[in-house]
N, C-alpha and C. Protein backbone atom coordinates (compact mmCIF):
# COMPACT_ATOMS: atom_id res chain seq x y z
N UNK A 1 -4.32 47.30 -82.57
CA UNK A 1 -4.77 46.27 -82.12
C UNK A 1 -4.13 44.71 -81.69
N UNK A 2 -4.48 44.18 -80.99
CA UNK A 2 -3.86 43.06 -80.17
C UNK A 2 -4.42 41.89 -80.79
N UNK A 3 -4.41 40.82 -81.42
CA UNK A 3 -5.25 39.67 -81.84
C UNK A 3 -4.17 38.34 -80.85
N UNK A 4 -5.36 37.67 -80.16
CA UNK A 4 -5.24 36.52 -80.20
C UNK A 4 -5.21 35.18 -80.54
N UNK A 5 -4.89 33.99 -81.17
CA UNK A 5 -5.07 33.30 -82.28
C UNK A 5 -5.32 32.01 -81.14
N UNK A 6 -6.50 31.19 -81.01
CA UNK A 6 -6.42 29.82 -79.94
C UNK A 6 -6.53 28.64 -80.40
N UNK A 7 -5.74 27.81 -80.41
CA UNK A 7 -6.09 26.43 -81.46
C UNK A 7 -5.74 25.28 -79.81
N UNK A 8 -7.18 24.98 -79.90
CA UNK A 8 -7.27 23.30 -79.42
C UNK A 8 -6.82 22.44 -79.66
N UNK A 9 -5.88 21.68 -79.33
CA UNK A 9 -5.55 20.32 -79.75
C UNK A 9 -6.12 18.95 -79.20
N UNK A 10 -6.62 18.08 -80.06
CA UNK A 10 -6.26 16.34 -79.01
C UNK A 10 -6.19 16.03 -80.43
N UNK A 11 -4.75 14.84 -80.42
CA UNK A 11 -4.52 14.10 -81.24
C UNK A 11 -4.88 14.52 -82.64
N UNK A 12 -4.50 15.64 -82.91
CA UNK A 12 -4.45 16.13 -84.61
C UNK A 12 -2.82 16.22 -84.82
N UNK A 13 -2.40 15.08 -84.83
CA UNK A 13 -0.66 14.49 -85.25
C UNK A 13 -0.68 15.13 -86.81
N UNK A 14 -1.68 14.87 -87.54
CA UNK A 14 -1.67 14.77 -89.21
C UNK A 14 -1.90 16.13 -89.88
N UNK A 15 -2.30 16.77 -88.77
CA UNK A 15 -2.88 18.49 -89.46
C UNK A 15 -2.23 19.37 -88.45
N UNK A 16 -1.38 19.37 -87.28
CA UNK A 16 -1.00 20.23 -86.69
C UNK A 16 0.03 21.60 -87.25
N UNK A 17 0.88 20.26 -87.75
CA UNK A 17 1.54 21.14 -87.94
C UNK A 17 1.78 22.47 -89.32
N UNK A 18 0.88 22.04 -90.09
CA UNK A 18 0.34 23.19 -91.16
C UNK A 18 -0.92 24.40 -90.22
N UNK A 19 -1.00 23.90 -89.71
CA UNK A 19 -1.92 25.04 -88.30
C UNK A 19 -1.27 25.56 -87.95
N UNK A 20 -0.18 25.41 -87.17
CA UNK A 20 0.49 25.74 -87.11
C UNK A 20 1.41 26.72 -87.41
N UNK A 21 1.67 26.62 -88.42
CA UNK A 21 3.01 26.97 -89.84
C UNK A 21 1.96 28.43 -90.28
N UNK A 22 0.46 28.08 -90.38
CA UNK A 22 -0.93 29.00 -91.12
C UNK A 22 -1.10 30.02 -90.38
N UNK A 23 -0.17 30.26 -89.05
CA UNK A 23 -0.64 30.92 -87.89
C UNK A 23 0.74 31.71 -88.10
N UNK A 24 1.84 30.79 -87.52
CA UNK A 24 3.51 31.70 -87.38
C UNK A 24 3.54 32.42 -88.72
N UNK A 25 3.83 31.67 -89.97
CA UNK A 25 3.93 33.02 -91.16
C UNK A 25 3.40 34.18 -91.50
N UNK A 26 2.72 34.31 -90.81
CA UNK A 26 2.17 35.60 -90.34
C UNK A 26 1.61 36.32 -89.37
N UNK A 27 2.46 35.84 -88.15
CA UNK A 27 2.01 36.35 -87.15
C UNK A 27 3.06 37.67 -86.71
N UNK A 28 2.58 39.01 -86.61
CA UNK A 28 3.00 39.73 -86.21
C UNK A 28 3.42 39.98 -85.12
N UNK A 29 3.98 41.22 -84.34
CA UNK A 29 4.14 41.99 -82.65
C UNK A 29 2.58 42.14 -82.07
N UNK A 30 1.95 42.19 -83.05
CA UNK A 30 0.28 42.60 -82.09
C UNK A 30 -0.56 40.93 -82.12
N UNK A 31 -0.02 39.88 -82.90
CA UNK A 31 -0.66 38.61 -82.50
C UNK A 31 -0.08 38.04 -81.23
N UNK A 32 -0.97 37.21 -80.51
CA UNK A 32 -0.40 36.04 -79.59
C UNK A 32 -0.84 34.68 -80.03
N UNK A 33 -0.41 33.50 -79.80
CA UNK A 33 -0.38 32.76 -80.42
C UNK A 33 -0.12 31.29 -79.03
N UNK A 34 -1.81 31.12 -78.65
CA UNK A 34 -2.10 30.21 -77.59
C UNK A 34 -2.58 28.62 -78.00
N UNK A 35 -1.92 27.59 -77.72
CA UNK A 35 -2.15 26.47 -78.04
C UNK A 35 -2.71 25.50 -76.95
N UNK A 36 -3.46 24.65 -76.64
CA UNK A 36 -4.26 24.43 -75.99
C UNK A 36 -4.56 22.74 -76.24
N UNK A 37 -3.29 21.86 -75.55
CA UNK A 37 -3.72 20.50 -75.79
C UNK A 37 -4.32 19.60 -74.32
N UNK A 38 -5.19 19.13 -75.21
CA UNK A 38 -5.82 18.41 -74.08
C UNK A 38 -5.70 17.11 -73.72
N UNK A 39 -4.37 16.66 -73.66
CA UNK A 39 -3.43 15.75 -73.50
C UNK A 39 -3.12 14.23 -74.66
N UNK A 40 -2.52 15.01 -75.81
CA UNK A 40 -2.57 14.08 -76.69
C UNK A 40 -1.46 12.66 -76.69
N UNK A 41 -2.11 11.68 -77.48
CA UNK A 41 -1.23 10.98 -77.19
C UNK A 41 -0.30 10.26 -78.69
N UNK A 42 -0.92 11.03 -79.49
CA UNK A 42 -0.40 10.52 -80.51
C UNK A 42 0.87 11.51 -81.39
N UNK A 43 1.43 12.12 -80.78
CA UNK A 43 2.49 12.60 -81.08
C UNK A 43 2.30 14.22 -81.36
N UNK A 44 1.07 14.43 -81.01
CA UNK A 44 0.62 16.05 -81.26
C UNK A 44 1.23 17.11 -80.70
N UNK A 45 1.70 16.80 -78.82
CA UNK A 45 2.04 17.39 -77.94
C UNK A 45 3.74 17.77 -78.58
N UNK A 46 4.87 16.68 -79.39
CA UNK A 46 5.84 17.28 -79.30
C UNK A 46 5.77 18.25 -80.61
N UNK A 47 4.76 17.85 -81.80
CA UNK A 47 5.18 19.01 -82.40
C UNK A 47 5.11 20.13 -81.85
N UNK A 48 3.66 20.19 -81.57
CA UNK A 48 3.29 21.88 -80.70
C UNK A 48 4.77 22.45 -80.48
N UNK A 49 5.20 21.43 -78.99
CA UNK A 49 6.52 22.21 -78.14
C UNK A 49 7.68 22.48 -79.43
N UNK A 50 7.78 21.49 -80.65
CA UNK A 50 8.35 21.65 -81.55
C UNK A 50 8.32 23.34 -82.41
N UNK A 51 7.50 23.98 -82.10
CA UNK A 51 7.87 25.29 -82.42
C UNK A 51 7.27 26.34 -81.23
N UNK A 52 7.93 25.91 -80.25
CA UNK A 52 7.38 26.23 -78.82
C UNK A 52 8.39 27.70 -78.59
N UNK A 53 9.38 28.01 -79.43
CA UNK A 53 9.73 29.11 -79.52
C UNK A 53 8.71 30.63 -80.00
N UNK A 54 8.20 30.16 -80.62
CA UNK A 54 7.18 31.29 -81.62
C UNK A 54 6.04 31.06 -80.97
N UNK A 55 5.57 30.51 -80.30
CA UNK A 55 4.16 30.08 -79.82
C UNK A 55 4.10 30.96 -78.03
N UNK A 56 3.35 31.72 -77.53
CA UNK A 56 3.24 32.57 -76.69
C UNK A 56 3.15 31.61 -75.50
N UNK A 57 2.10 31.13 -75.64
CA UNK A 57 1.58 30.13 -74.66
C UNK A 57 1.31 28.52 -75.09
N UNK A 58 2.00 27.46 -74.76
CA UNK A 58 1.39 26.19 -74.72
C UNK A 58 0.94 25.62 -73.36
N UNK A 59 -0.10 24.71 -73.49
CA UNK A 59 -0.50 24.19 -71.99
C UNK A 59 -1.33 23.03 -72.49
N UNK A 60 -0.23 21.82 -72.05
CA UNK A 60 -1.13 20.68 -72.17
C UNK A 60 -0.89 20.20 -71.04
N UNK A 61 -2.65 20.06 -70.76
CA UNK A 61 -3.19 19.30 -69.30
C UNK A 61 -4.57 18.01 -70.05
N UNK A 62 -4.91 17.63 -69.51
CA UNK A 62 -6.71 17.09 -69.69
C UNK A 62 -7.41 17.64 -69.34
N UNK A 63 -8.57 18.14 -70.43
CA UNK A 63 -9.21 18.54 -70.29
C UNK A 63 -10.88 18.68 -70.39
N UNK A 64 -11.67 19.13 -70.70
CA UNK A 64 -12.97 18.19 -70.24
C UNK A 64 -13.87 18.39 -71.94
N UNK A 65 -12.82 18.45 -72.61
CA UNK A 65 -13.11 19.04 -74.28
C UNK A 65 -13.32 20.16 -74.94
N UNK A 66 -13.24 20.08 -76.29
CA UNK A 66 -12.96 21.88 -76.90
C UNK A 66 -13.75 22.44 -76.22
N UNK A 67 -14.79 23.04 -76.19
CA UNK A 67 -15.61 23.74 -75.41
C UNK A 67 -14.23 24.10 -74.13
N UNK A 68 -13.64 23.49 -73.40
CA UNK A 68 -13.32 23.48 -72.18
C UNK A 68 -11.96 24.49 -72.45
N UNK A 69 -11.32 23.08 -73.62
CA UNK A 69 -9.84 24.27 -74.16
C UNK A 69 -10.09 25.26 -74.83
N UNK A 70 -11.10 25.43 -75.73
CA UNK A 70 -11.19 26.98 -75.67
C UNK A 70 -11.25 27.85 -74.41
N UNK A 71 -12.16 27.75 -73.72
CA UNK A 71 -12.50 28.82 -72.51
C UNK A 71 -11.01 28.68 -71.67
N UNK A 72 -10.18 27.71 -71.92
CA UNK A 72 -9.01 27.79 -70.87
C UNK A 72 -8.30 29.30 -71.88
N UNK A 73 -8.16 28.71 -73.24
CA UNK A 73 -7.14 29.29 -73.89
C UNK A 73 -7.79 31.10 -73.63
N UNK A 74 -9.28 31.03 -73.78
CA UNK A 74 -9.71 32.76 -73.58
C UNK A 74 -9.82 33.16 -72.32
N UNK A 75 -9.48 32.36 -71.53
CA UNK A 75 -8.86 32.98 -70.06
C UNK A 75 -7.47 33.28 -70.15
N UNK A 76 -6.32 32.78 -70.47
CA UNK A 76 -4.98 33.46 -70.81
C UNK A 76 -4.94 34.21 -72.05
N UNK A 77 -6.10 34.69 -72.63
CA UNK A 77 -5.75 35.38 -73.85
C UNK A 77 -5.90 36.91 -73.47
N UNK A 78 -4.67 38.03 -73.98
CA UNK A 78 -4.47 39.01 -73.94
C UNK A 78 -5.41 39.55 -75.13
N UNK A 79 -5.27 39.69 -76.40
CA UNK A 79 -6.13 40.29 -77.10
C UNK A 79 -7.14 41.16 -77.57
N UNK A 80 -7.54 42.33 -78.16
CA UNK A 80 -9.02 42.64 -78.26
C UNK A 80 -9.85 41.71 -79.06
N UNK A 81 -9.50 40.73 -79.89
CA UNK A 81 -10.25 40.28 -80.48
C UNK A 81 -9.74 39.11 -80.39
N UNK A 82 -10.88 38.15 -80.19
CA UNK A 82 -9.98 36.48 -80.45
C UNK A 82 -10.14 35.84 -81.35
N UNK A 83 -9.43 35.07 -81.90
CA UNK A 83 -10.03 33.53 -82.79
C UNK A 83 -9.56 32.44 -82.19
N UNK A 84 -10.38 31.50 -82.94
CA UNK A 84 -10.36 30.10 -82.62
C UNK A 84 -10.42 29.71 -83.96
N UNK A 85 -8.74 29.06 -84.04
CA UNK A 85 -8.27 28.26 -84.91
C UNK A 85 -7.94 26.93 -84.93
N UNK A 86 -9.27 25.22 -85.07
CA UNK A 86 -8.85 24.15 -84.76
C UNK A 86 -7.66 24.05 -85.07
N UNK A 87 -7.14 22.19 -84.80
CA UNK A 87 -6.20 22.00 -85.20
C UNK A 87 -5.82 21.37 -86.90
N UNK A 88 -7.21 21.30 -87.22
CA UNK A 88 -7.34 21.14 -88.63
C UNK A 88 -7.67 21.72 -89.36
N UNK A 89 -7.80 23.10 -89.27
CA UNK A 89 -8.11 23.80 -89.96
C UNK A 89 -6.48 25.35 -90.29
N UNK A 90 -6.66 26.04 -91.15
CA UNK A 90 -5.33 26.75 -91.15
C UNK A 90 -5.94 27.94 -92.21
N UNK A 91 -5.35 29.01 -91.76
CA UNK A 91 -4.92 30.52 -91.97
C UNK A 91 -4.97 30.44 -94.02
N UNK A 92 -5.63 30.93 -94.41
CA UNK A 92 -4.57 31.64 -95.49
C UNK A 92 -4.10 32.49 -95.32
N UNK A 93 -3.26 33.14 -96.80
CA UNK A 93 -1.73 34.26 -96.26
C UNK A 93 -2.89 35.38 -95.99
N UNK A 94 -2.37 35.97 -95.58
CA UNK A 94 -2.78 37.39 -95.09
C UNK A 94 -4.35 37.60 -93.86
N UNK A 95 -4.23 36.44 -93.75
CA UNK A 95 -5.78 36.40 -93.05
C UNK A 95 -5.46 37.75 -91.47
N UNK A 96 -4.54 37.38 -90.95
CA UNK A 96 -4.45 38.03 -89.86
C UNK A 96 -4.21 39.18 -90.52
N UNK A 97 -3.28 39.82 -91.16
CA UNK A 97 -2.95 41.77 -91.57
C UNK A 97 -4.66 41.69 -91.88
N UNK A 98 -5.32 41.17 -92.91
CA UNK A 98 -6.50 41.53 -93.17
C UNK A 98 -7.47 41.64 -91.61
N UNK A 99 -7.81 40.89 -91.01
CA UNK A 99 -8.13 41.21 -89.83
C UNK A 99 -7.72 42.94 -88.82
N UNK A 100 -6.83 42.70 -88.72
CA UNK A 100 -5.43 43.51 -88.26
C UNK A 100 -5.98 45.05 -88.54
N UNK A 101 -6.06 44.68 -90.16
CA UNK A 101 -6.65 46.33 -90.84
C UNK A 101 -7.69 46.46 -90.68
N UNK A 102 -8.77 45.32 -90.39
CA UNK A 102 -9.97 45.97 -90.80
C UNK A 102 -10.41 46.40 -89.30
N UNK A 103 -10.34 45.53 -88.16
CA UNK A 103 -10.18 46.15 -87.15
C UNK A 103 -9.56 47.28 -86.40
N UNK A 104 -8.73 47.93 -87.45
CA UNK A 104 -7.69 49.33 -86.91
C UNK A 104 -8.59 50.22 -87.54
N UNK A 105 -9.69 50.13 -88.29
CA UNK A 105 -10.52 51.08 -89.23
C UNK A 105 -11.71 51.22 -88.43
N UNK A 106 -12.43 50.03 -88.33
CA UNK A 106 -13.31 49.82 -87.96
C UNK A 106 -14.11 49.63 -86.42
N UNK A 107 -14.94 50.18 -85.77
CA UNK A 107 -14.97 49.93 -84.20
C UNK A 107 -16.16 48.62 -84.30
N UNK A 108 -15.60 47.84 -84.80
CA UNK A 108 -16.26 46.73 -84.32
C UNK A 108 -15.84 45.46 -83.65
N UNK A 109 -17.63 45.01 -82.85
CA UNK A 109 -16.94 43.81 -81.87
C UNK A 109 -16.88 42.57 -82.14
N UNK A 110 -17.51 41.92 -83.65
CA UNK A 110 -16.79 40.90 -83.79
C UNK A 110 -16.48 41.10 -85.37
N UNK A 111 -15.67 40.15 -86.23
CA UNK A 111 -15.18 40.12 -87.17
C UNK A 111 -15.08 37.99 -88.01
N UNK A 112 -15.56 38.29 -88.55
CA UNK A 112 -15.87 37.42 -89.46
C UNK A 112 -15.41 36.91 -90.82
N UNK A 113 -15.78 36.00 -91.02
CA UNK A 113 -14.98 35.87 -92.90
C UNK A 113 -15.54 34.60 -93.45
N UNK A 114 -15.49 33.99 -94.72
CA UNK A 114 -15.86 33.08 -95.54
C UNK A 114 -14.78 31.80 -94.95
N UNK A 115 -15.15 31.04 -95.14
CA UNK A 115 -14.81 29.67 -94.79
C UNK A 115 -14.89 28.31 -95.94
N UNK A 116 -13.47 28.46 -96.67
CA UNK A 116 -13.33 27.07 -97.77
C UNK A 116 -13.13 25.83 -97.50
N UNK A 117 -13.97 24.91 -97.65
CA UNK A 117 -13.87 23.83 -97.47
C UNK A 117 -13.00 22.99 -98.38
N UNK A 118 -12.26 21.92 -98.30
CA UNK A 118 -12.03 21.14 -99.05
C UNK A 118 -11.62 19.52 -99.14
N UNK A 119 -11.82 19.03 -100.05
CA UNK A 119 -12.24 18.15 -99.92
C UNK A 119 -10.74 17.55 -99.94
N UNK A 120 -9.93 16.61 -99.14
CA UNK A 120 -8.90 16.17 -99.14
C UNK A 120 -8.37 14.94 -100.18
N UNK A 121 -9.49 14.59 -100.29
CA UNK A 121 -9.33 13.52 -101.78
C UNK A 121 -9.57 14.05 -103.13
N UNK A 122 -9.93 15.08 -103.01
CA UNK A 122 -9.87 15.49 -104.44
C UNK A 122 -9.73 17.57 -105.18
N UNK A 123 -9.99 17.81 -105.92
CA UNK A 123 -9.77 19.60 -105.92
C UNK A 123 -10.93 19.77 -105.68
N UNK A 124 -12.41 19.24 -104.86
CA UNK A 124 -13.47 19.88 -104.72
C UNK A 124 -13.68 20.78 -103.38
N UNK A 125 -14.12 22.74 -103.76
CA UNK A 125 -13.47 23.38 -102.95
C UNK A 125 -15.14 23.81 -102.80
N UNK A 126 -15.58 24.05 -101.50
CA UNK A 126 -16.83 24.91 -101.28
C UNK A 126 -16.53 26.08 -100.19
N UNK A 127 -17.10 27.51 -100.59
CA UNK A 127 -17.08 28.46 -99.55
C UNK A 127 -18.14 28.92 -99.34
N UNK A 128 -18.25 29.62 -97.97
CA UNK A 128 -19.37 29.32 -97.02
C UNK A 128 -18.80 30.89 -96.80
């Protein structure tokens, strides 16, 4: 099972490195990572380029917003499953291996998981 992870970015320099690290730290041979930058002016492009050797595709050009960026990524994605990870989010350890294991056993059209919201100013967590 091949997974494609797409990160749309626009001016997310404060969080982008953590997002990228969370994917690359668990990326396997069956995982494709695509970053679509909408023309950031805050240093996000430089951050993404610093990881370029480990990213399968980095596209930086103006777009029509986050949906357009996602659609560009989906157009280029070659995975059996596609995940969208926004530039201010990150995967917990083992997320990609759990998805890969689950999809190799079950014939699922859609895979989803819980989301944990973290308050950056406190220890408050909420799971949905």
